[in-house]
Protein backbone atom coordinates (compact mmCIF):
# COMPACT_ATOMS: atom_id res chain seq x y z
CA MET A 1 107.55 69.13 107.10
CA SER A 2 103.58 69.89 106.51
CA ARG A 3 100.39 68.59 107.74
CA ILE A 4 98.11 71.05 106.43
CA GLY A 5 96.21 68.45 104.16
CA TYR A 6 95.06 67.23 107.13
CA LYS A 7 93.57 69.71 109.68
CA GLU A 8 90.14 69.78 109.37
CA ILE A 9 88.11 72.80 108.85
CA ASP A 10 85.82 73.46 111.55
CA LEU A 11 82.65 76.06 110.33
CA PRO A 12 80.89 78.47 112.69
CA GLU A 13 77.96 79.37 113.08
CA GLY A 14 75.48 80.49 109.71
CA VAL A 15 78.36 79.24 107.16
CA GLU A 16 77.35 76.27 104.79
CA ILE A 17 79.75 74.36 102.80
CA SER A 18 78.07 72.58 99.31
CA GLN A 19 80.04 70.70 96.87
CA ASP A 20 78.85 69.74 93.49
CA GLY A 21 81.13 67.40 91.03
CA ASN A 22 84.66 69.62 91.73
CA VAL A 23 82.84 72.72 92.47
CA VAL A 24 83.24 74.24 95.98
CA THR A 25 80.46 77.03 97.36
CA VAL A 26 80.65 78.37 100.83
CA LYS A 27 77.80 80.93 102.08
CA GLY A 28 77.91 83.13 104.99
CA PRO A 29 76.87 86.20 106.23
CA LYS A 30 79.33 88.36 104.20
CA GLY A 31 78.83 86.55 100.74
CA THR A 32 79.31 83.28 98.84
CA LEU A 33 82.56 82.60 96.63
CA THR A 34 82.42 79.04 94.69
CA ARG A 35 85.93 77.96 93.25
CA GLU A 36 86.79 74.59 91.84
CA ILE A 37 89.54 72.29 93.47
CA SER A 38 91.48 69.50 91.60
CA PRO A 39 89.97 66.14 91.45
CA LEU A 40 92.87 64.66 92.37
CA ILE A 41 92.00 65.83 96.63
CA THR A 42 88.66 64.26 98.05
CA MET A 43 86.54 65.71 100.20
CA LYS A 44 84.57 65.20 103.19
CA ILE A 45 81.65 67.32 105.05
CA ASP A 46 80.73 65.63 108.70
CA GLY A 47 77.86 68.10 109.86
CA ASN A 48 80.02 71.64 110.47
CA VAL A 49 84.10 69.80 110.26
CA VAL A 50 85.10 69.76 106.83
CA THR A 51 88.49 67.32 105.44
CA PHE A 52 90.68 66.37 102.98
CA THR A 53 92.31 63.11 101.42
CA ARG A 54 93.98 62.62 99.35
CA ASP A 55 94.76 59.05 97.03
CA SER A 56 99.10 59.12 95.60
CA ASP A 57 101.59 60.67 97.69
CA VAL A 58 103.10 61.97 94.17
CA ASN A 59 104.80 65.45 95.60
CA THR A 60 102.29 67.13 93.34
CA VAL A 61 99.77 65.57 94.47
CA ARG A 62 100.81 66.20 98.21
CA ALA A 63 100.93 69.96 97.44
CA LEU A 64 97.69 70.02 95.69
CA HIS A 65 95.98 68.40 98.69
CA GLY A 66 97.13 71.64 101.10
CA ALA A 67 96.74 73.88 99.01
CA THR A 68 93.63 73.36 98.21
CA ARG A 69 92.96 72.83 101.96
CA ALA A 70 94.28 76.06 102.75
CA ASN A 71 91.57 77.63 99.71
CA VAL A 72 89.24 76.29 101.29
CA ALA A 73 89.73 77.49 104.71
CA ASN A 74 89.73 80.97 103.05
CA MET A 75 87.07 80.84 101.45
CA VAL A 76 85.03 79.86 105.35
CA GLU A 77 87.38 82.57 107.08
CA GLY A 78 86.57 84.83 103.56
CA VAL A 79 82.86 84.91 104.14
CA THR A 80 82.95 85.17 107.86
CA LYS A 81 85.38 88.43 108.17
CA GLY A 82 86.12 89.27 105.34
CA PHE A 83 90.03 90.10 104.64
CA LYS A 84 91.44 94.01 104.48
CA LYS A 85 94.61 95.27 102.75
CA THR A 86 96.20 98.56 104.90
CA MET A 87 98.31 100.50 102.49
CA LYS A 88 100.84 103.48 103.35
CA LEU A 89 101.74 106.39 101.14
CA VAL A 90 105.05 107.86 101.23
CA GLY A 91 106.67 110.88 99.99
CA VAL A 92 106.10 114.48 99.90
CA GLY A 93 102.75 115.10 97.81
CA TYR A 94 101.99 111.53 97.47
CA ARG A 95 98.29 111.37 98.08
CA ALA A 96 95.51 109.40 96.95
CA GLN A 97 91.65 110.03 96.29
CA PHE A 98 88.80 107.63 95.65
CA LYS A 99 85.46 108.73 93.55
CA GLY A 100 82.64 107.12 92.02
CA THR A 101 84.70 103.28 90.92
CA THR A 102 88.42 105.44 90.80
CA LEU A 103 91.75 105.50 92.57
CA THR A 104 93.25 108.08 91.66
CA LEU A 105 96.90 108.19 92.41
CA THR A 106 99.34 110.75 92.90
CA VAL A 107 102.88 109.22 93.63
CA GLY A 108 105.10 111.40 91.58
CA TYR A 109 104.96 110.82 87.63
CA SER A 110 104.09 113.88 85.87
CA ASN A 111 99.93 112.07 85.48
CA PRO A 112 98.62 111.13 88.40
CA VAL A 113 97.77 106.98 87.40
CA GLU A 114 93.56 105.73 87.55
CA MET A 115 93.12 102.25 88.84
CA GLU A 116 89.41 100.95 88.13
CA LYS A 117 88.54 99.23 91.96
CA PRO A 118 87.73 95.41 91.07
CA GLU A 119 83.15 94.68 91.84
CA ASP A 120 83.57 92.31 94.49
CA LEU A 121 86.19 94.78 96.45
CA GLU A 122 85.44 97.83 98.29
CA VAL A 123 88.47 100.80 98.20
CA ALA A 124 87.98 103.45 100.79
CA VAL A 125 90.59 106.24 101.55
CA PRO A 126 90.48 107.73 104.95
CA ASP A 127 92.97 110.07 104.75
CA ASN A 128 95.31 111.20 101.54
CA THR A 129 98.14 108.98 102.24
CA THR A 130 96.03 105.56 103.64
CA ILE A 131 94.16 103.19 101.23
CA GLU A 132 92.11 100.25 102.75
CA ILE A 133 91.18 97.63 100.63
CA SER A 134 88.91 94.52 101.48
CA GLY A 135 86.63 91.82 100.29
CA ILE A 136 85.82 87.56 100.85
CA ASN A 137 88.09 86.52 98.39
CA LYS A 138 92.07 86.84 99.87
CA GLU A 139 93.07 86.61 96.57
CA HIS A 140 90.91 88.58 95.28
CA VAL A 141 92.11 91.74 97.72
CA GLY A 142 95.75 90.45 97.23
CA ASP A 143 96.03 91.16 93.94
CA PHE A 144 94.73 94.62 93.99
CA ALA A 145 97.29 95.86 96.77
CA ALA A 146 99.53 94.50 94.91
CA GLU A 147 98.83 95.59 91.53
CA VAL A 148 98.15 98.87 93.69
CA ARG A 149 102.19 98.60 95.62
CA ALA A 150 102.75 97.66 91.85
CA VAL A 151 102.45 101.72 90.65
CA ARG A 152 105.15 103.17 93.07
CA SER A 153 106.50 100.25 95.26
CA PRO A 154 109.32 101.12 97.90
CA GLU A 155 112.54 102.35 97.18
CA PRO A 156 115.22 102.00 99.29
CA TYR A 157 117.14 104.44 99.57
CA LYS A 158 114.73 107.58 100.45
CA GLY A 159 111.54 104.56 101.50
CA LYS A 160 109.09 106.74 99.75
CA GLY A 161 106.79 104.85 97.91
CA ILE A 162 103.44 102.77 98.34
CA ARG A 163 104.04 100.06 100.83
CA TYR A 164 101.05 98.10 103.30
CA GLU A 165 100.50 99.01 107.05
CA ASN A 166 103.42 97.12 108.74
CA GLU A 167 105.84 96.62 105.86
CA HIS A 168 109.28 97.27 106.63
CA ILE A 169 112.21 98.53 103.60
CA ILE A 170 115.71 97.28 103.69
CA ARG A 171 117.24 101.15 103.43
CA LYS A 172 120.17 101.11 102.04
CA GLU A 173 123.24 103.51 103.07
CA GLY A 174 123.71 106.29 99.76
CA LYS A 175 127.37 107.20 97.89
CA THR A 176 129.24 108.60 99.78
CA GLY A 177 131.74 111.48 98.39
CA LYS A 178 135.20 111.45 98.57
């Protein structure tokens, strides 16, 4: 059984964490993140160490314990290093462009698909078949990357579509003609 909730979070140099009721705010070199945590979990700040405790052993509270600790740890990592997802477009004629705040994907449909970039994220297209999404909030980076991938998910026969950089697509054998 996992004991993630009991692990301490060591705050790196230049990171400040504060709690106002159930609202946790983390400030660092890359920005500020705020999140509301459950009142069933108690957060304690001792200098550069943050710990979490729970009062009950009910399954839902135990799950909240680990999830709360993981969310705050992701906030600390986000304001220090940030998060980044790299995606590849695989397919003949598949390409991406980024102008202003619009990501344009040409992925085999009759018209290009246009997506607006969220405010708190950075999107870069270093070449026609690579998209880099970065930001300080892990959830927002992952959600937008999933939206981009959903435009043309990789298919198992030819492997065409939008995939994460190190994603492995299990290929299927096509029809056999008899």
